[in-house]
Amino acid sequence: MNKLHLYKILSFSILFLLLPGWVVMKISVDNTTPMLLLPISIILLSAIIITLNIQHHRIKYMRLFFWIFVYLMFGLAPLVQISGKWPLGGYIRQSDLAYAYVLLWIGLFSYEFFYYFSTVIKHKKQVRRLVEVKTLGSSLLPGVIAYGLSSFIIIFLLLHSIDFFSFRVEFLNTIINQFGTVGSAFIRLCMWNFPLICILWLITDIKHLSLSRNTKILYIILISLLSINILISSNPTISPRWWLGTLVFSMLIIIMRRSYVKLHALISILLPVSYTFLFPFFAYFRSEQSSYDLRLAYSSGSLGIENLSKGDFDSLQQLINTIIYVKEEGVTYGYQLLGIITFWIPRAWWVAKPPETGPLVASYHGYVYTNLSAPLWAEGYINFGIIGVFLFLGIWGYISAKLDNLSSLIIAYPKRYKNLRWVLPCVAALAPAQQLLLRGSLQVSTQYILPMVLIIYIFQGLSLLYRKLSVHPLSYGFSRIH
């Protein structure tokens, strides 16, 4: 038995036998119901697809993280929730639960169909055109700009008495109150997105370009300086949990991208286990109240299986809540999309701006706490019904396949497709960050994910300008690529 088969057996055993078996053993026999077969079917399908994704020559990062999200939110967690421990409380009718899984399966079919459709399309001309047009120069100049901006923002916030080790909610509220919604978004962009993309791109250039010894030293120094800023501005006390996960797994993807089997096994095993057992613990830093609640739960021994019935895993119940909302109020026919397209407009400027889907549905059901999720299935359903689910998941599957195909080319043939290396930092950051988009609300996730994509295109423009103007005599040593 070779190493590849061993990893496949290990991954499938943990995903389909060990973790679900542990959950089932914790469920009371009195709470078992035939409806548990619904999440079990998702667990089986997800475990098979995640396991078969392990290959010697490539990893489909976007597809891998997508199915891990499905496995956790609609497979593993519902095993506990359907037995009577819904994260938002209340009673769920079996007909609504069954219909939610119908929508879930429609979305999964659409995702896989368009993913496969995008994969089988002949795209040689497209790749050739990308190689010819997307000619990148050095990532050194954007890296220096990112370091300067992030350092300025950190010093600026310190001068305004912003505590980088306060509770997360307190930190974010202080920034919003002092600098407004637009200002806080710009601060996050300079402190989080910009430095991370630069670090990923610098590491990519070191591995893919023939750099001189002195140039490599410059790259390593700049990576170290950016990493220090990242540690300050993205420490666990003030950073959202999805962002911490993005930092960790994006670095793993870039650093270990040639170790296909080990990296896939690490992600497919580490992410579900850490999400199940460690993810709720980071709520300790959310606020003083959540810190107290977590310490109380820990001292009473109620953590463990209870993690899967908390608000962090509310995707299924929010999908059901959206079904009920549409049943009684009807679909919005794209009205919710206006809030996504115009996310950059502050609500103070446009009072009638469509609300986020999660809080909208939560308020409709009378929840006191309304900052809840709205998975991509719910976003599609509230906008266009079943057709919306099919379209939203299909579009995301198509985009994911394109990114996976391009990243596979540059990893497998780094010299031939070195002008496509801009795809690697994009995929490395977007693949783990898509959990925010999949969990929703889409209006919120767009504010965080879209800047990552825009930064890549800005980098391309800066790099092209850097080459044309020959800003630095060293530029021809490592940025002239044909």
Protein backbone atom coordinates (compact mmCIF):
# COMPACT_ATOMS: atom_id res chain seq x y z
CA MET A 1 0.00 0.00 0.00
CA ASN A 2 1.54 3.32 -1.08
CA LYS A 3 1.39 6.58 0.86
CA LEU A 4 -1.44 8.00 -1.28
CA HIS A 5 -3.80 5.11 -0.52
CA LEU A 6 -2.86 5.30 3.16
CA TYR A 7 -3.79 8.98 3.33
CA LYS A 8 -7.08 8.29 1.56
CA ILE A 9 -8.01 5.56 4.02
CA LEU A 10 -7.02 7.75 6.96
CA SER A 11 -8.96 10.76 5.67
CA PHE A 12 -12.12 8.79 4.91
CA SER A 13 -11.97 6.93 8.24
CA ILE A 14 -11.80 10.18 10.21
CA LEU A 15 -14.44 12.00 8.17
CA PHE A 16 -17.01 9.22 7.83
CA LEU A 17 -16.34 6.96 10.83
CA LEU A 18 -14.43 8.63 13.66
CA LEU A 19 -15.97 12.13 13.87
CA PRO A 20 -19.59 11.11 13.07
CA GLY A 21 -19.23 8.05 15.29
CA TRP A 22 -18.14 10.23 18.19
CA VAL A 23 -21.15 12.52 17.64
CA VAL A 24 -23.63 9.64 17.35
CA MET A 25 -22.37 8.09 20.59
CA LYS A 26 -23.10 11.37 22.38
CA ILE A 27 -26.68 11.52 21.10
CA SER A 28 -29.32 10.11 23.40
CA VAL A 29 -31.17 7.10 22.01
CA ASP A 30 -34.47 8.84 22.78
CA ASN A 31 -33.53 11.68 20.42
CA THR A 32 -32.72 9.56 17.37
CA THR A 33 -34.98 10.02 14.36
CA PRO A 34 -35.06 8.78 10.75
CA MET A 35 -34.35 12.38 9.71
CA LEU A 36 -30.76 11.78 10.82
CA LEU A 37 -30.30 9.96 7.52
CA LEU A 38 -30.36 13.36 5.80
CA PRO A 39 -27.12 14.68 7.33
CA ILE A 40 -25.57 11.21 7.18
CA SER A 41 -26.04 11.23 3.41
CA ILE A 42 -24.21 14.57 3.25
CA ILE A 43 -21.43 13.24 5.47
CA LEU A 44 -20.96 10.22 3.20
CA LEU A 45 -20.97 12.27 -0.02
CA SER A 46 -18.63 14.92 1.41
CA ALA A 47 -16.21 12.32 2.79
CA ILE A 48 -16.05 10.56 -0.58
CA ILE A 49 -15.45 13.75 -2.58
CA ILE A 50 -12.88 15.12 -0.11
CA THR A 51 -11.03 11.80 -0.09
CA LEU A 52 -11.04 11.39 -3.87
CA ASN A 53 -9.69 14.93 -4.14
CA ILE A 54 -6.30 13.62 -2.93
CA GLN A 55 -4.10 13.19 -6.00
CA HIS A 56 -0.37 13.05 -6.63
CA HIS A 57 -0.24 15.87 -9.14
CA ARG A 58 -2.85 18.44 -8.04
CA ILE A 59 -5.13 19.68 -5.30
CA LYS A 60 -8.41 21.41 -6.09
CA TYR A 61 -8.21 23.91 -3.24
CA MET A 62 -11.46 25.77 -3.92
CA ARG A 63 -13.43 22.55 -4.20
CA LEU A 64 -11.74 21.03 -1.14
CA PHE A 65 -12.64 23.89 1.21
CA PHE A 66 -16.15 24.08 -0.25
CA TRP A 67 -16.88 20.45 0.59
CA ILE A 68 -15.32 20.71 4.03
CA PHE A 69 -17.77 23.54 4.76
CA VAL A 70 -20.69 21.39 3.51
CA TYR A 71 -19.46 18.47 5.60
CA LEU A 72 -19.38 20.54 8.79
CA MET A 73 -22.44 22.77 8.42
CA PHE A 74 -24.89 20.40 6.75
CA GLY A 75 -23.50 17.02 7.76
CA LEU A 76 -21.73 16.79 11.10
CA ALA A 77 -23.42 19.62 13.04
CA PRO A 78 -27.00 18.63 12.05
CA LEU A 79 -26.45 15.21 13.63
CA VAL A 80 -26.63 17.02 16.97
CA GLN A 81 -29.15 19.67 15.96
CA ILE A 82 -31.78 17.35 14.47
CA SER A 83 -31.74 15.36 17.70
CA GLY A 84 -33.30 18.41 19.38
CA LYS A 85 -30.49 20.88 20.06
CA TRP A 86 -31.06 23.62 17.49
CA PRO A 87 -28.57 26.51 17.86
CA LEU A 88 -31.34 29.15 17.74
CA GLY A 89 -33.87 27.13 19.73
CA GLY A 90 -37.45 26.55 18.70
CA TYR A 91 -39.17 23.69 16.89
CA ILE A 92 -38.44 22.66 13.31
CA ARG A 93 -41.06 20.85 11.27
CA GLN A 94 -39.87 17.76 9.45
CA SER A 95 -41.35 18.98 6.17
CA ASP A 96 -39.26 22.19 6.34
CA LEU A 97 -36.18 20.18 7.27
CA ALA A 98 -36.68 17.80 4.35
CA TYR A 99 -37.21 20.70 1.94
CA ALA A 100 -34.03 22.36 3.20
CA TYR A 101 -32.07 19.25 2.23
CA VAL A 102 -33.78 19.21 -1.17
CA LEU A 103 -32.47 22.74 -1.74
CA LEU A 104 -29.10 21.69 -0.41
CA TRP A 105 -28.87 18.80 -2.88
CA ILE A 106 -30.00 21.02 -5.77
CA GLY A 107 -27.21 23.46 -4.91
CA LEU A 108 -24.61 20.70 -4.61
CA PHE A 109 -25.64 19.21 -7.95
CA SER A 110 -25.42 22.64 -9.59
CA TYR A 111 -21.99 23.29 -8.04
CA GLU A 112 -20.58 19.99 -9.25
CA PHE A 113 -22.23 20.25 -12.68
CA PHE A 114 -20.81 23.70 -13.42
CA TYR A 115 -17.48 22.76 -11.85
CA TYR A 116 -17.20 19.81 -14.21
CA PHE A 117 -18.55 21.87 -17.13
CA SER A 118 -15.84 24.48 -16.56
CA THR A 119 -13.17 21.79 -16.27
CA VAL A 120 -13.95 20.01 -19.56
CA ILE A 121 -14.11 23.22 -21.61
CA LYS A 122 -11.14 23.55 -23.93
CA HIS A 123 -9.31 26.53 -22.50
CA LYS A 124 -5.91 26.36 -24.23
CA LYS A 125 -6.49 29.64 -26.07
CA GLN A 126 -7.66 31.30 -22.88
CA VAL A 127 -4.57 30.16 -20.98
CA ARG A 128 -2.29 31.27 -23.83
CA ARG A 129 -3.96 34.68 -23.83
CA LEU A 130 -3.54 34.98 -20.06
CA VAL A 131 0.12 34.04 -20.29
CA GLU A 132 0.70 36.68 -22.94
CA VAL A 133 -1.28 39.51 -21.32
CA LYS A 134 -0.95 38.93 -17.59
CA THR A 135 2.79 39.53 -17.56
CA LEU A 136 3.80 40.40 -14.02
CA GLY A 137 6.82 42.19 -12.76
CA SER A 138 8.27 42.03 -9.27
CA SER A 139 6.11 41.78 -6.17
CA LEU A 140 8.74 43.80 -4.29
CA LEU A 141 7.21 47.22 -4.97
CA PRO A 142 3.66 46.26 -3.87
CA GLY A 143 5.21 44.59 -0.82
CA VAL A 144 7.00 47.78 0.17
CA ILE A 145 3.79 49.77 -0.32
CA ALA A 146 1.85 47.25 1.81
CA TYR A 147 4.44 47.44 4.58
CA GLY A 148 4.40 51.24 4.54
CA LEU A 149 0.59 51.41 4.62
CA SER A 150 0.14 48.77 7.33
CA SER A 151 2.87 50.33 9.49
CA PHE A 152 1.31 53.79 9.11
CA ILE A 153 -2.16 52.45 10.05
CA ILE A 154 -0.83 50.60 13.12
CA ILE A 155 1.10 53.66 14.36
CA PHE A 156 -1.90 55.90 13.58
CA LEU A 157 -4.23 53.68 15.63
CA LEU A 158 -1.77 53.47 18.52
CA LEU A 159 -1.56 57.27 18.59
CA HIS A 160 -5.35 57.33 18.84
CA SER A 161 -5.16 55.03 21.90
CA ILE A 162 -6.56 51.95 20.10
CA ASP A 163 -5.83 48.82 22.13
CA PHE A 164 -4.70 45.95 19.85
CA PHE A 165 -5.23 43.43 22.64
CA SER A 166 -8.77 44.33 23.65
CA PHE A 167 -11.84 42.20 22.99
CA ARG A 168 -12.77 41.90 19.31
CA VAL A 169 -16.15 43.61 19.49
CA GLU A 170 -14.73 46.46 21.55
CA PHE A 171 -11.86 46.93 19.07
CA LEU A 172 -14.09 46.96 15.97
CA ASN A 173 -16.73 49.20 17.55
CA THR A 174 -14.06 51.70 18.60
CA ILE A 175 -12.69 51.90 15.05
CA ILE A 176 -16.16 52.27 13.52
CA ASN A 177 -17.15 54.96 16.02
CA GLN A 178 -13.98 56.98 15.44
CA PHE A 179 -13.47 56.54 11.70
CA GLY A 180 -16.87 55.49 10.33
CA THR A 181 -17.83 52.48 8.21
CA VAL A 182 -15.79 53.47 5.16
CA GLY A 183 -12.76 54.38 7.27
CA SER A 184 -12.89 51.10 9.18
CA ALA A 185 -13.13 49.16 5.90
CA PHE A 186 -10.02 50.96 4.59
CA ILE A 187 -8.17 50.21 7.85
CA ARG A 188 -9.02 46.50 7.59
CA LEU A 189 -7.89 46.50 3.97
CA CYS A 190 -4.50 47.99 4.84
CA MET A 191 -3.94 45.91 7.98
CA TRP A 192 -5.27 42.51 6.82
CA ASN A 193 -5.87 41.93 3.11
CA PHE A 194 -3.03 43.91 1.59
CA PRO A 195 -0.17 42.52 3.77
CA LEU A 196 -1.42 38.92 3.50
CA ILE A 197 -1.66 38.99 -0.30
CA CYS A 198 1.81 40.56 -0.46
CA ILE A 199 3.34 37.88 1.76
CA LEU A 200 1.76 35.14 -0.35
CA TRP A 201 2.95 36.77 -3.57
CA LEU A 202 6.49 37.35 -2.27
CA ILE A 203 6.80 33.70 -1.26
CA THR A 204 5.45 32.68 -4.68
CA ASP A 205 8.07 34.81 -6.45
CA ILE A 206 10.87 33.34 -4.35
CA LYS A 207 9.84 29.84 -5.38
CA HIS A 208 9.07 30.55 -9.05
CA LEU A 209 11.60 33.19 -10.16
CA SER A 210 15.35 32.96 -10.56
CA LEU A 211 16.38 35.58 -8.03
CA SER A 212 19.88 36.61 -7.07
CA ARG A 213 21.08 36.00 -3.54
CA ASN A 214 20.81 39.69 -2.59
CA THR A 215 17.32 39.94 -4.03
CA LYS A 216 16.21 36.89 -2.07
CA ILE A 217 17.51 38.52 1.09
CA LEU A 218 15.42 41.62 0.31
CA TYR A 219 12.34 39.44 -0.19
CA ILE A 220 12.90 37.55 3.08
CA ILE A 221 13.42 40.79 5.03
CA LEU A 222 10.22 42.25 3.57
CA ILE A 223 8.27 39.04 4.33
CA SER A 224 9.53 39.17 7.93
CA LEU A 225 8.53 42.83 8.36
CA LEU A 226 5.06 42.21 6.89
CA SER A 227 4.67 39.14 9.13
CA ILE A 228 5.38 41.25 12.21
CA ASN A 229 2.67 43.71 11.17
CA ILE A 230 0.28 40.81 10.54
CA LEU A 231 0.98 39.40 14.02
CA ILE A 232 0.17 42.78 15.57
CA SER A 233 -2.93 43.63 13.54
CA SER A 234 -4.33 40.09 13.17
CA ASN A 235 -3.69 38.67 16.62
CA PRO A 236 -6.41 36.31 17.95
CA THR A 237 -7.84 38.85 20.40
CA ILE A 238 -9.09 41.32 17.77
CA SER A 239 -9.35 39.27 14.55
CA PRO A 240 -12.46 37.38 13.37
CA ARG A 241 -12.05 33.63 13.48
CA TRP A 242 -12.55 33.18 9.75
CA TRP A 243 -9.63 35.55 9.15
CA LEU A 244 -7.32 33.61 11.49
CA GLY A 245 -8.21 30.43 9.60
CA THR A 246 -7.51 32.18 6.30
CA LEU A 247 -4.08 33.26 7.54
CA VAL A 248 -3.09 29.77 8.68
CA PHE A 249 -4.36 27.76 5.72
CA SER A 250 -3.31 30.25 3.04
CA MET A 251 0.26 30.09 4.34
CA LEU A 252 0.12 26.28 4.37
CA ILE A 253 -1.10 26.25 0.75
CA ILE A 254 1.70 28.53 -0.47
CA ILE A 255 4.52 26.95 1.53
CA MET A 256 3.55 23.27 1.08
CA ARG A 257 1.97 23.45 -2.38
CA ARG A 258 4.40 20.93 -3.90
CA SER A 259 3.66 18.35 -1.18
CA TYR A 260 0.27 17.50 -2.64
CA VAL A 261 -0.66 14.44 -0.62
CA LYS A 262 0.58 15.67 2.76
CA LEU A 263 -1.02 19.09 2.32
CA HIS A 264 -4.38 17.63 1.30
CA ALA A 265 -4.39 15.17 4.18
CA LEU A 266 -3.43 17.96 6.59
CA ILE A 267 -6.24 20.24 5.40
CA SER A 268 -8.92 17.55 5.12
CA ILE A 269 -8.19 16.29 8.64
CA LEU A 270 -7.00 19.37 10.51
CA LEU A 271 -9.74 21.76 9.34
CA PRO A 272 -12.80 19.64 10.33
CA VAL A 273 -11.24 18.65 13.65
CA SER A 274 -10.12 22.19 14.54
CA TYR A 275 -13.44 23.67 13.38
CA THR A 276 -15.35 21.22 15.57
CA PHE A 277 -13.25 21.44 18.74
CA LEU A 278 -11.24 24.70 18.57
CA PHE A 279 -13.36 27.17 16.59
CA PRO A 280 -15.84 27.92 19.43
CA PHE A 281 -12.96 28.52 21.87
CA PHE A 282 -11.86 31.58 19.92
CA ALA A 283 -15.18 33.19 20.91
CA TYR A 284 -13.36 33.77 24.21
CA PHE A 285 -11.92 36.92 22.67
CA ARG A 286 -15.17 38.18 21.12
CA SER A 287 -16.38 40.15 24.12
CA GLU A 288 -16.20 40.15 27.89
CA GLN A 289 -19.60 38.42 28.09
CA SER A 290 -18.63 35.64 25.65
CA SER A 291 -15.39 35.18 27.58
CA TYR A 292 -17.40 34.69 30.77
CA ASP A 293 -19.86 32.30 29.07
CA LEU A 294 -17.05 30.19 27.67
CA ARG A 295 -15.27 29.93 31.02
CA LEU A 296 -18.57 28.95 32.64
CA ALA A 297 -19.23 26.28 30.00
CA TYR A 298 -15.70 24.94 30.35
CA SER A 299 -15.92 24.70 34.14
CA SER A 300 -19.27 22.90 33.92
CA GLY A 301 -17.97 20.39 31.38
CA SER A 302 -20.68 21.23 28.82
CA LEU A 303 -18.27 21.86 25.94
CA GLY A 304 -17.48 19.21 23.36
CA ILE A 305 -20.55 17.92 21.57
CA GLU A 306 -22.36 21.12 22.56
CA ASN A 307 -20.09 23.11 20.22
CA LEU A 308 -22.02 21.75 17.24
CA SER A 309 -25.30 23.11 18.59
CA LYS A 310 -24.07 26.68 19.07
CA GLY A 311 -24.68 29.71 16.88
CA ASP A 312 -21.43 29.12 14.99
CA PHE A 313 -23.20 26.22 13.25
CA ASP A 314 -26.53 27.90 12.51
CA SER A 315 -26.39 27.50 8.70
CA LEU A 316 -28.99 24.74 8.44
CA GLN A 317 -31.49 26.43 10.77
CA GLN A 318 -31.06 29.75 9.00
CA LEU A 319 -31.71 28.02 5.67
CA ILE A 320 -34.91 26.62 7.16
CA ASN A 321 -35.82 30.06 8.52
CA THR A 322 -35.31 31.50 5.04
CA ILE A 323 -37.61 28.84 3.57
CA ILE A 324 -40.32 29.86 6.04
CA TYR A 325 -39.73 33.56 5.26
CA VAL A 326 -40.11 32.97 1.50
CA LYS A 327 -43.17 30.79 2.08
CA GLU A 328 -44.93 33.62 3.92
CA GLU A 329 -43.46 36.74 2.31
CA GLY A 330 -42.39 35.54 -1.15
CA VAL A 331 -39.07 35.87 -2.97
CA THR A 332 -37.46 39.31 -3.36
CA TYR A 333 -36.72 38.90 -7.11
CA GLY A 334 -33.17 40.16 -6.73
CA TYR A 335 -33.86 43.05 -4.34
CA GLN A 336 -31.40 41.61 -1.81
CA LEU A 337 -28.73 41.66 -4.52
CA LEU A 338 -28.87 45.46 -4.53
CA GLY A 339 -27.37 45.46 -1.05
CA ILE A 340 -24.56 43.20 -2.27
CA ILE A 341 -23.79 45.28 -5.36
CA THR A 342 -23.85 48.53 -3.37
CA PHE A 343 -22.09 47.20 -0.27
CA TRP A 344 -19.59 50.08 -0.49
CA ILE A 345 -22.35 52.67 0.09
CA PRO A 346 -22.76 53.40 3.85
CA ARG A 347 -26.23 52.75 5.17
CA ALA A 348 -26.28 56.29 6.58
CA TRP A 349 -26.16 57.58 2.99
CA TRP A 350 -28.90 55.22 1.78
CA VAL A 351 -31.42 54.54 4.53
CA ALA A 352 -33.54 52.29 2.28
CA LYS A 353 -30.58 50.08 1.42
CA PRO A 354 -31.60 46.37 1.55
CA PRO A 355 -30.59 44.78 4.87
CA GLU A 356 -28.32 41.78 5.13
CA THR A 357 -30.22 38.53 4.56
CA GLY A 358 -29.20 36.94 7.87
CA PRO A 359 -30.46 39.79 10.09
CA LEU A 360 -33.53 40.23 7.87
CA VAL A 361 -34.62 36.63 8.36
CA ALA A 362 -33.64 36.66 12.05
CA SER A 363 -35.71 39.80 12.72
CA TYR A 364 -38.68 38.30 10.90
CA HIS A 365 -38.59 35.29 13.24
CA GLY A 366 -38.36 37.54 16.32
CA TYR A 367 -34.82 36.76 17.43
CA VAL A 368 -33.29 39.27 19.84
CA TYR A 369 -29.80 38.62 18.48
CA THR A 370 -29.99 39.14 14.72
CA ASN A 371 -26.36 38.99 13.58
CA LEU A 372 -26.86 35.52 12.13
CA SER A 373 -25.67 33.75 9.01
CA ALA A 374 -27.38 33.29 5.64
CA PRO A 375 -25.68 30.48 3.68
CA LEU A 376 -25.31 30.83 -0.08
CA TRP A 377 -28.30 28.49 -0.55
CA ALA A 378 -30.45 30.89 1.49
CA GLU A 379 -29.21 33.90 -0.49
CA GLY A 380 -30.16 32.24 -3.75
CA TYR A 381 -33.53 31.08 -2.44
CA ILE A 382 -34.64 34.43 -1.00
CA ASN A 383 -33.77 36.19 -4.27
CA PHE A 384 -35.09 33.80 -6.95
CA GLY A 385 -36.36 30.65 -5.23
CA ILE A 386 -35.13 27.25 -6.40
CA ILE A 387 -33.72 28.79 -9.59
CA GLY A 388 -31.66 31.15 -7.42
CA VAL A 389 -30.16 28.23 -5.51
CA PHE A 390 -29.20 26.55 -8.78
CA LEU A 391 -27.71 29.75 -10.22
CA PHE A 392 -25.82 30.95 -7.14
CA LEU A 393 -24.15 27.61 -6.47
CA GLY A 394 -23.54 27.00 -10.18
CA ILE A 395 -21.77 30.33 -10.62
CA TRP A 396 -19.58 29.68 -7.61
CA GLY A 397 -18.77 26.19 -8.90
CA TYR A 398 -17.76 27.62 -12.28
CA ILE A 399 -15.52 30.28 -10.70
CA SER A 400 -13.97 27.71 -8.35
CA ALA A 401 -13.14 25.38 -11.25
CA LYS A 402 -11.46 28.17 -13.22
CA LEU A 403 -9.26 29.11 -10.25
CA ASP A 404 -8.44 25.47 -9.49
CA ASN A 405 -7.49 24.76 -13.10
CA LEU A 406 -5.20 27.80 -13.36
CA SER A 407 -3.53 27.12 -10.01
CA SER A 408 -2.89 23.50 -11.02
CA LEU A 409 -1.13 24.69 -14.18
CA ILE A 410 1.26 27.02 -12.40
CA ILE A 411 2.06 24.47 -9.67
CA ALA A 412 2.62 21.60 -12.14
CA TYR A 413 4.49 23.69 -14.74
CA PRO A 414 6.00 26.67 -12.87
CA LYS A 415 8.42 27.71 -15.65
CA ARG A 416 5.99 27.38 -18.53
CA TYR A 417 3.20 29.31 -16.82
CA LYS A 418 5.19 31.63 -14.56
CA ASN A 419 3.17 34.61 -15.80
CA LEU A 420 0.10 32.99 -14.25
CA ARG A 421 1.65 32.91 -10.79
CA TRP A 422 -0.72 35.71 -9.70
CA VAL A 423 -3.36 32.94 -9.41
CA LEU A 424 -1.56 31.23 -6.52
CA PRO A 425 -1.86 33.99 -3.86
CA CYS A 426 -5.43 34.59 -5.03
CA VAL A 427 -6.43 30.92 -4.62
CA ALA A 428 -4.40 30.49 -1.41
CA ALA A 429 -6.31 33.36 0.23
CA LEU A 430 -9.72 32.83 -1.38
CA ALA A 431 -10.03 29.06 -0.84
CA PRO A 432 -10.08 29.17 3.00
CA ALA A 433 -11.80 32.59 3.06
CA GLN A 434 -14.76 31.28 1.05
CA GLN A 435 -16.21 29.85 4.26
CA LEU A 436 -17.30 33.44 4.99
CA LEU A 437 -19.01 33.69 1.60
CA LEU A 438 -20.66 30.27 1.94
CA ARG A 439 -21.86 30.98 5.46
CA GLY A 440 -23.01 34.53 4.68
CA SER A 441 -24.55 36.94 4.74
CA LEU A 442 -23.36 37.65 1.22
CA GLN A 443 -23.48 41.41 1.74
CA VAL A 444 -20.97 41.12 4.59
CA SER A 445 -18.70 38.55 2.96
CA THR A 446 -18.42 40.67 -0.19
CA GLN A 447 -16.88 43.47 1.86
CA TYR A 448 -14.05 41.17 2.96
CA ILE A 449 -13.51 38.88 -0.03
CA LEU A 450 -13.84 41.28 -2.96
CA PRO A 451 -10.86 43.41 -1.81
CA MET A 452 -8.63 40.30 -2.02
CA VAL A 453 -9.50 39.93 -5.69
CA LEU A 454 -9.17 43.64 -6.40
CA ILE A 455 -5.73 43.75 -4.77
CA ILE A 456 -4.51 41.09 -7.21
CA TYR A 457 -5.55 43.20 -10.20
CA ILE A 458 -4.06 46.33 -8.64
CA PHE A 459 -0.82 44.38 -8.19
CA GLN A 460 -0.81 43.52 -11.87
CA GLY A 461 -1.10 47.19 -12.80
CA LEU A 462 1.67 48.19 -10.38
CA SER A 463 3.92 45.42 -11.63
CA LEU A 464 3.39 46.38 -15.28
CA LEU A 465 4.06 50.02 -14.44
CA TYR A 466 7.16 49.00 -12.50
CA ARG A 467 8.54 47.20 -15.55
CA LYS A 468 7.74 49.95 -18.03
CA LEU A 469 9.27 52.75 -15.99
CA SER A 470 12.23 50.67 -14.79
CA VAL A 471 11.95 52.29 -11.38
CA HIS A 472 14.92 50.41 -9.95
CA PRO A 473 17.98 49.08 -11.76
CA LEU A 474 17.53 45.73 -10.04
CA SER A 475 14.07 45.34 -11.63
CA TYR A 476 15.46 43.75 -14.78
CA GLY A 477 17.20 41.13 -12.68
CA PHE A 478 13.99 39.56 -11.47
CA SER A 479 10.95 41.13 -13.10
CA ARG A 480 11.58 40.98 -16.83
CA ILE A 481 9.59 37.87 -17.74
CA HIS A 482 8.77 36.77 -21.26
